[in-house]
Protein backbone atom coordinates (compact mmCIF):
# COMPACT_ATOMS: atom_id res chain seq x y z
CA MET A 1 28.23 11.55 -13.50
CA ALA A 2 26.46 13.38 -16.84
CA HIS A 3 23.17 15.45 -15.93
CA VAL A 4 20.26 14.38 -16.61
CA GLN A 5 18.17 16.30 -18.77
CA VAL A 6 14.00 16.93 -18.69
CA ALA A 7 12.32 14.70 -20.32
CA ASN A 8 8.79 14.62 -22.29
CA GLY A 9 8.76 18.51 -21.91
CA VAL A 10 8.72 20.92 -18.51
CA ARG A 11 8.78 18.92 -15.66
CA SER A 12 8.75 20.00 -12.24
CA SER A 13 7.49 17.40 -9.96
CA LEU A 14 9.77 14.63 -8.49
CA TYR A 15 8.89 11.09 -7.18
CA VAL A 16 11.39 10.09 -4.39
CA GLY A 17 12.57 7.09 -3.33
CA ASP A 18 14.27 4.22 -0.63
CA LEU A 19 13.46 6.79 2.11
CA HIS A 20 14.38 6.07 5.58
CA PRO A 21 10.75 5.11 7.11
CA SER A 22 11.26 7.98 9.73
CA LEU A 23 11.72 10.57 7.71
CA ASN A 24 8.32 12.62 7.58
CA GLU A 25 7.28 15.79 5.75
CA THR A 26 8.75 18.59 7.88
CA GLN A 27 12.27 16.79 6.69
CA LEU A 28 11.86 16.68 3.27
CA PHE A 29 10.58 19.61 3.12
CA GLN A 30 12.96 21.27 4.40
CA LEU A 31 15.76 18.74 2.49
CA PHE A 32 14.39 20.23 -0.56
CA SER A 33 13.77 23.80 0.08
CA GLN A 34 16.92 24.30 -0.36
CA MET A 35 16.57 23.65 -3.73
CA GLY A 36 14.29 26.35 -4.62
CA GLN A 37 10.78 27.30 -3.36
CA LEU A 38 8.39 24.38 -3.54
CA ILE A 39 4.46 23.66 -4.17
CA SER A 40 3.98 20.32 -1.85
CA VAL A 41 6.12 17.34 -0.41
CA ARG A 42 3.91 14.54 -0.20
CA VAL A 43 5.28 11.45 2.28
CA CYS A 44 3.02 8.17 1.37
CA ARG A 45 2.12 6.26 3.69
CA ASP A 46 -0.01 3.02 4.61
CA LEU A 47 -3.45 4.56 4.64
CA THR A 48 -4.20 1.68 8.41
CA SER A 49 -1.07 1.92 9.68
CA GLY A 50 0.11 5.42 8.83
CA ARG A 51 3.27 4.31 8.12
CA SER A 52 5.47 5.05 5.30
CA LEU A 53 5.98 3.45 2.40
CA GLY A 54 9.13 4.66 1.76
CA TYR A 55 8.79 7.01 -1.09
CA GLY A 56 6.81 10.36 -1.44
CA TYR A 57 6.44 13.73 -3.43
CA VAL A 58 7.76 17.08 -4.21
CA ASN A 59 6.63 20.06 -6.20
CA PHE A 60 8.50 22.87 -7.39
CA SER A 61 7.07 25.99 -8.58
CA ASN A 62 9.44 25.59 -11.40
CA PRO A 63 11.45 23.56 -13.17
CA GLN A 64 14.56 24.45 -13.11
CA ASP A 65 14.90 23.61 -9.10
CA ALA A 66 13.29 20.48 -10.01
CA SER A 67 16.64 19.76 -12.14
CA ARG A 68 18.73 21.23 -9.96
CA ALA A 69 17.73 18.70 -7.61
CA LEU A 70 17.64 16.08 -9.01
CA ASN A 71 21.04 16.23 -10.07
CA LEU A 72 22.29 17.59 -7.18
CA MET A 73 20.66 14.96 -4.20
CA ASN A 74 19.84 12.14 -6.38
CA PHE A 75 21.37 9.41 -3.51
CA ARG A 76 22.24 11.78 -1.32
CA VAL A 77 22.08 9.66 1.79
CA VAL A 78 19.14 11.11 4.59
CA ASN A 79 19.17 9.07 7.51
CA GLY A 80 21.69 6.73 6.71
CA LYS A 81 20.00 5.67 3.42
CA PRO A 82 20.60 6.99 -0.23
CA ILE A 83 17.33 8.28 -1.45
CA ARG A 84 16.59 8.04 -5.37
CA ILE A 85 15.10 11.05 -6.54
CA MET A 86 13.44 10.69 -10.90
CA TYR A 87 10.48 12.28 -12.32
CA SER A 88 6.94 11.73 -11.31
CA ASN A 89 5.68 10.22 -13.97
CA ARG A 90 1.92 10.92 -13.90
CA ASP A 91 1.96 8.92 -17.20
CA PRO A 92 1.32 5.12 -16.15
CA SER A 93 1.49 3.80 -19.45
CA ILE A 94 4.66 4.93 -20.26
CA ARG A 95 5.83 3.26 -16.71
CA LYS A 96 4.03 0.16 -17.89
CA SER A 97 5.09 0.16 -21.93
CA GLY A 98 8.61 -0.85 -20.91
CA THR A 99 10.12 1.29 -23.43
CA GLY A 100 13.95 2.21 -22.93
CA ASN A 101 13.94 -0.54 -19.50
CA ILE A 102 16.88 -3.18 -19.23
CA PHE A 103 18.16 -5.78 -16.72
CA ILE A 104 21.51 -5.93 -15.71
CA LYS A 105 22.17 -8.98 -13.34
CA ASN A 106 25.78 -10.37 -12.19
CA LEU A 107 25.99 -7.54 -10.45
CA ASP A 108 28.81 -7.31 -8.12
CA LYS A 109 27.01 -6.59 -5.04
CA GLY A 110 29.18 -3.11 -4.34
CA ILE A 111 27.55 -1.63 -6.60
CA ASP A 112 25.11 1.22 -5.38
CA CYS A 113 22.52 3.08 -7.75
CA LYS A 114 25.03 5.88 -7.50
CA ALA A 115 27.44 4.05 -9.96
CA LEU A 116 24.80 1.93 -11.57
CA HIS A 117 23.71 5.93 -12.98
CA GLU A 118 26.83 7.10 -13.58
CA THR A 119 28.07 3.86 -15.00
CA PHE A 120 24.72 3.99 -17.60
CA SER A 121 24.43 7.97 -17.49
CA SER A 122 27.01 8.32 -20.81
CA PHE A 123 24.13 6.65 -23.41
CA GLY A 124 21.39 8.41 -21.97
CA ASN A 125 18.53 10.58 -20.04
CA ILE A 126 18.13 8.07 -17.86
CA LEU A 127 14.74 7.62 -15.90
CA SER A 128 14.39 5.27 -13.31
CA CYS A 129 18.17 3.39 -11.98
CA LYS A 130 17.09 0.95 -9.08
CA ILE A 131 19.12 -2.44 -7.35
CA ALA A 132 17.07 -5.14 -6.28
CA THR A 133 17.57 -5.17 -2.45
CA ASP A 134 16.94 -7.57 0.54
CA VAL A 135 15.49 -6.84 2.88
CA TRP A 136 18.08 -5.95 4.78
CA GLY A 137 19.33 -3.39 2.52
CA HIS A 138 22.10 -6.06 0.75
CA SER A 139 21.85 -6.23 -2.93
CA LYS A 140 20.77 -9.28 -4.60
CA GLY A 141 22.95 -8.39 -7.49
CA TYR A 142 21.05 -6.80 -10.15
CA GLY A 143 19.36 -4.18 -11.34
CA PHE A 144 17.09 -2.16 -13.85
CA VAL A 145 17.60 1.18 -15.66
CA GLN A 146 15.13 2.87 -17.86
CA PHE A 147 16.42 5.15 -20.73
CA GLU A 148 13.97 7.68 -22.25
CA SER A 149 14.79 6.16 -25.37
CA GLU A 150 15.29 2.30 -27.16
CA GLU A 151 17.98 3.49 -28.84
CA ALA A 152 20.07 5.03 -25.71
CA ALA A 153 19.30 1.43 -24.31
CA GLN A 154 19.86 -0.71 -27.17
CA CYS A 155 23.43 1.65 -27.42
CA ALA A 156 24.05 0.66 -23.74
CA ILE A 157 23.25 -3.01 -24.50
CA ASP A 158 25.19 -3.43 -27.34
CA LYS A 159 27.95 -1.17 -25.69
CA LEU A 160 28.45 -3.36 -22.03
CA ASN A 161 26.14 -6.57 -22.10
CA GLY A 162 29.53 -9.08 -21.41
CA MET A 163 31.44 -5.92 -20.21
CA LEU A 164 33.14 -6.33 -16.27
CA PHE A 165 32.15 -4.45 -13.22
CA ASN A 166 34.49 -4.49 -10.43
CA ASP A 167 36.03 -8.12 -12.44
CA LYS A 168 32.37 -9.74 -12.59
CA GLN A 169 30.88 -10.04 -15.77
CA VAL A 170 27.61 -8.88 -16.59
CA PHE A 171 24.47 -9.31 -18.69
CA ILE A 172 22.84 -6.52 -19.84
CA GLY A 173 19.26 -7.30 -22.11
CA PRO A 174 16.06 -5.58 -22.84
CA PHE A 175 13.77 -6.30 -19.61
CA VAL A 176 11.01 -8.57 -20.19
CA ARG A 177 7.90 -8.29 -18.04
CA LYS A 178 7.14 -11.46 -15.83
CA GLU A 179 4.23 -12.34 -18.00
CA LYS A 180 5.76 -12.34 -21.30
CA ARG A 181 8.27 -13.84 -20.60
CA LYS A 182 9.28 -17.24 -22.85
CA PHE A 183 9.05 -20.14 -20.70
CA ASN A 184 9.36 -24.06 -21.60
CA ASN A 185 6.68 -25.47 -18.81
CA VAL A 186 3.05 -26.13 -19.51
CA TYR A 187 0.54 -26.77 -16.46
CA VAL A 188 -2.47 -28.55 -18.15
CA LYS A 189 -5.64 -28.87 -16.32
CA ASN A 190 -9.41 -30.33 -16.39
CA PHE A 191 -8.77 -33.75 -18.55
CA SER A 192 -10.52 -36.93 -18.32
CA PRO A 193 -8.95 -39.30 -15.42
CA THR A 194 -8.61 -41.88 -17.78
CA LEU A 195 -5.84 -40.06 -19.77
CA ASN A 196 -2.34 -41.16 -18.99
CA GLU A 197 1.75 -39.67 -19.44
CA ASP A 198 1.52 -40.95 -22.99
CA ASP A 199 -1.76 -39.51 -24.14
CA LEU A 200 -0.53 -35.93 -22.73
CA THR A 201 2.46 -36.88 -24.91
CA ASN A 202 0.62 -38.19 -27.79
CA ILE A 203 -1.26 -35.07 -27.59
CA PHE A 204 1.08 -32.71 -27.02
CA GLY A 205 3.90 -33.55 -29.01
CA GLU A 206 2.54 -32.15 -32.48
CA TYR A 207 3.68 -28.47 -30.82
CA GLY A 208 7.21 -29.90 -30.51
CA SER A 209 10.05 -31.87 -28.66
CA ILE A 210 8.67 -33.13 -25.27
CA THR A 211 11.56 -33.98 -22.37
CA SER A 212 8.99 -34.79 -19.66
CA VAL A 213 5.58 -35.49 -18.85
CA VAL A 214 3.71 -36.11 -15.46
CA VAL A 215 0.39 -36.60 -14.36
CA MET A 216 -0.68 -35.67 -10.73
CA ARG A 217 -1.74 -38.21 -9.03
CA ASP A 218 -3.64 -39.49 -4.85
CA GLN A 219 -2.26 -41.97 -3.59
CA LYS A 220 -4.05 -44.78 -4.82
CA GLY A 221 -2.62 -43.63 -8.52
CA LYS A 222 -5.81 -42.31 -9.27
CA SER A 223 -5.69 -39.11 -11.75
CA LYS A 224 -6.16 -35.48 -10.36
CA GLY A 225 -7.14 -34.47 -13.50
CA PHE A 226 -3.91 -31.99 -14.22
CA GLY A 227 0.06 -31.89 -15.13
CA PHE A 228 2.86 -30.95 -16.26
CA VAL A 229 4.35 -30.90 -19.70
CA ASN A 230 8.18 -29.97 -20.37
CA PHE A 231 9.56 -28.76 -24.04
CA GLU A 232 12.21 -28.32 -24.81
CA ASP A 233 12.15 -25.49 -27.14
CA ALA A 234 9.90 -22.63 -25.35
CA ASP A 235 8.02 -21.50 -29.03
CA ASP A 236 7.25 -24.85 -28.62
CA ALA A 237 5.27 -24.46 -25.21
CA ALA A 238 4.01 -21.01 -26.33
CA ARG A 239 2.40 -23.08 -29.59
CA ALA A 240 0.52 -25.51 -27.18
CA VAL A 241 -1.01 -23.23 -25.15
CA ASP A 242 -2.57 -21.09 -27.72
CA GLY A 243 -3.14 -24.14 -29.56
CA LEU A 244 -4.68 -26.62 -26.82
CA ASN A 245 -6.49 -24.04 -24.10
CA GLY A 246 -10.24 -24.38 -24.44
CA LYS A 247 -10.30 -27.24 -26.79
CA THR A 248 -12.69 -30.38 -25.76
CA PHE A 249 -11.23 -33.65 -24.64
CA ASP A 250 -13.99 -36.46 -23.48
CA GLU A 251 -16.38 -33.81 -23.25
CA LYS A 252 -14.34 -31.98 -21.06
CA GLU A 253 -12.64 -28.37 -21.75
CA TRP A 254 -8.69 -28.01 -21.23
CA TYR A 255 -7.38 -25.16 -19.37
CA VAL A 256 -3.37 -25.07 -21.00
CA GLY A 257 -1.70 -22.55 -19.50
CA LYS A 258 2.10 -21.72 -18.50
CA ALA A 259 2.86 -23.72 -15.10
CA GLN A 260 2.81 -20.75 -12.85
CA LYS A 261 4.52 -20.57 -9.27
CA LYS A 262 0.79 -21.75 -8.02
CA SER A 263 0.31 -25.05 -10.18
CA LEU A 264 3.74 -25.60 -9.26
CA LEU A 265 2.73 -25.80 -5.09
CA ARG A 266 0.20 -27.17 -5.09
CA ALA A 267 2.18 -30.54 -7.50
CA ARG A 268 4.39 -30.57 -4.94
CA THR A 269 2.20 -32.47 -2.00
CA GLY A 270 1.10 -34.67 -4.63
CA LEU A 271 3.05 -37.05 -6.60
CA VAL A 272 3.24 -39.73 -5.66
CA GLN A 273 4.97 -43.10 -7.34
CA GLN A 274 2.75 -45.03 -9.87
CA ASN A 275 2.61 -49.37 -9.48
CA GLY A 276 5.09 -49.05 -7.44
CA GLN A 277 7.64 -47.52 -9.76
CA PRO A 278 8.78 -43.70 -9.76
CA PRO A 279 6.58 -40.90 -12.20
CA LEU A 280 8.10 -40.22 -15.43
CA MET A 281 9.17 -36.83 -14.28
CA HIS A 282 8.34 -34.75 -10.89
CA PRO A 283 6.72 -31.85 -12.01
CA PRO A 284 8.54 -29.03 -13.04
CA GLN A 285 10.48 -27.46 -10.41
CA MET A 286 9.42 -29.79 -7.98
CA SER A 287 13.31 -29.44 -5.72
CA THR A 288 12.82 -25.61 -6.30
CA ALA A 289 15.09 -23.36 -3.60
CA GLU A 290 11.84 -22.33 -2.41
CA GLN A 291 11.14 -25.86 -1.13
CA GLN A 292 14.38 -25.76 0.27
CA ARG A 293 14.04 -22.42 1.71
CA ARG A 294 10.47 -24.02 3.69
CA LEU A 295 12.65 -26.81 4.61
CA VAL A 296 14.84 -24.38 6.05
CA GLY A 297 12.91 -22.20 7.89
CA ASN A 298 11.28 -24.73 9.32
CA LYS A 299 14.51 -25.19 11.40
CA LEU A 300 15.25 -22.26 12.08
CA TYR A 301 12.21 -20.84 13.21
CA PRO A 302 12.10 -22.58 17.19
CA LEU A 303 16.18 -21.83 16.87
CA VAL A 304 14.90 -18.04 16.64
CA GLU A 305 12.19 -18.71 18.92
CA GLN A 306 14.61 -19.28 21.41
CA LEU A 307 16.33 -15.96 20.88
CA GLU A 308 13.76 -13.36 19.99
CA HIS A 309 10.02 -14.94 20.97
CA LYS A 310 7.93 -11.70 20.32
CA ASN A 311 9.38 -11.03 16.91
CA ALA A 312 10.39 -14.44 15.91
CA ALA A 313 8.30 -14.83 12.33
CA LYS A 314 9.55 -11.14 10.52
CA VAL A 315 13.33 -12.41 11.97
CA THR A 316 12.57 -16.06 10.22
CA GLY A 317 11.24 -14.63 7.43
CA MET A 318 14.03 -11.84 7.10
CA LEU A 319 17.25 -14.67 7.69
CA LEU A 320 14.94 -16.37 5.11
CA GLU A 321 16.18 -13.99 2.48
CA MET A 322 19.28 -14.69 2.80
CA ASP A 323 21.03 -17.12 0.60
CA HIS A 324 20.56 -21.31 1.05
CA THR A 325 24.81 -21.77 1.95
CA GLN A 326 24.53 -19.43 4.59
CA LEU A 327 20.68 -20.37 6.09
CA LEU A 328 22.91 -23.44 6.14
CA HIS A 329 25.48 -21.55 8.49
CA LEU A 330 22.97 -20.36 10.51
CA LEU A 331 21.33 -23.99 11.48
CA ASN A 332 25.14 -24.77 13.01
CA SER A 333 26.26 -21.52 13.75
CA PRO A 334 24.62 -20.13 17.09
CA HIS A 335 26.98 -17.84 17.83
CA ALA A 336 25.47 -16.87 13.68
CA LEU A 337 22.64 -16.78 14.71
CA LYS A 338 22.82 -14.92 17.38
CA ALA A 339 24.35 -12.02 15.61
CA LYS A 340 22.23 -12.18 12.36
CA VAL A 341 19.13 -12.38 14.36
CA ALA A 342 19.97 -9.50 16.52
CA GLU A 343 20.91 -7.42 13.46
CA ALA A 344 17.27 -8.48 12.35
CA ILE A 345 16.03 -6.67 15.21
CA ASP A 346 17.93 -3.79 15.09
CA VAL A 347 16.21 -3.44 11.01
CA LEU A 348 12.81 -3.84 12.43
CA ARG A 349 13.85 -1.62 15.38
CA ASN A 350 14.55 0.95 12.83
CA ASP A 351 11.26 0.79 10.89
CA ASN A 352 9.50 0.53 13.54
CA LEU A 353 8.00 -2.70 12.98
CA LEU A 354 9.26 -4.19 16.05
CA VAL A 355 6.88 -5.72 18.75
CA SER A 356 7.84 -5.44 22.39
């Protein structure tokens, strides 16, 4: 693994993440004092409960010791969990800019942060490296690497995108923040109740090809004054938002924006048949994994409650992090459910979250 060089000048403060909940300041001090003289250590905690937030900071008296600790202790297993170390970045603009940040998906779930770091470190100095995990600590199959430079990030993308990692072809590209990601589904509200799907199609159709439109209606078929428009092309959707948001039609000022989860959730309970016929479309993502998960959760909770009454809500929430096929298996296999509930209880106990 390539050694990490000090970026952006001299640094002696380290961020230490993925800490086990039981790890305290004394243990953190003992662990890092082997690398050199420390000025301070801190485990960040919840202000109300005092529970560890799973990360902290270690400040060395000189940058050489900090660099050595970063190179020698990154991903070391402490209290059963590999810790993740990077230089503490006090400048939020660098973190928020996303410069040099890449997204890797379709990762084999056996690949951990250390393996990811080793794979990408040959392209340049890595500021941070993380595999997304569920509440069980299991990989979700995607991760992030932030390089010090945009050039290093682009080189990694050019060389590794589409390559096989553990016999799985990975996608590697620039990380795009959620608010900047492209979208096809547009949410429109506060329009006149006299407008129908044809009216919306005519108005939005000026911006590009539309695949579907829906006006949300109540049980009597009366318009609720909001709906969804799905564009074939994401750029057309963005232009429609820019062109129509805030415009006034029939003395009503429209809100037009990206269809967010909140508006979609609101719509899920509002779609009814129009004149005895199915609507032109379901709202975008009407039959989503989230909706399926909710249905499974309703069936799963009473089964979990029979096995673990006091912690049923927490355990059910943890189980719902699993894949849909695995959840269906739990519903049909009392033995598998019992084993998974026991595993969840162990996780809660280790994290001091168990209600006794």
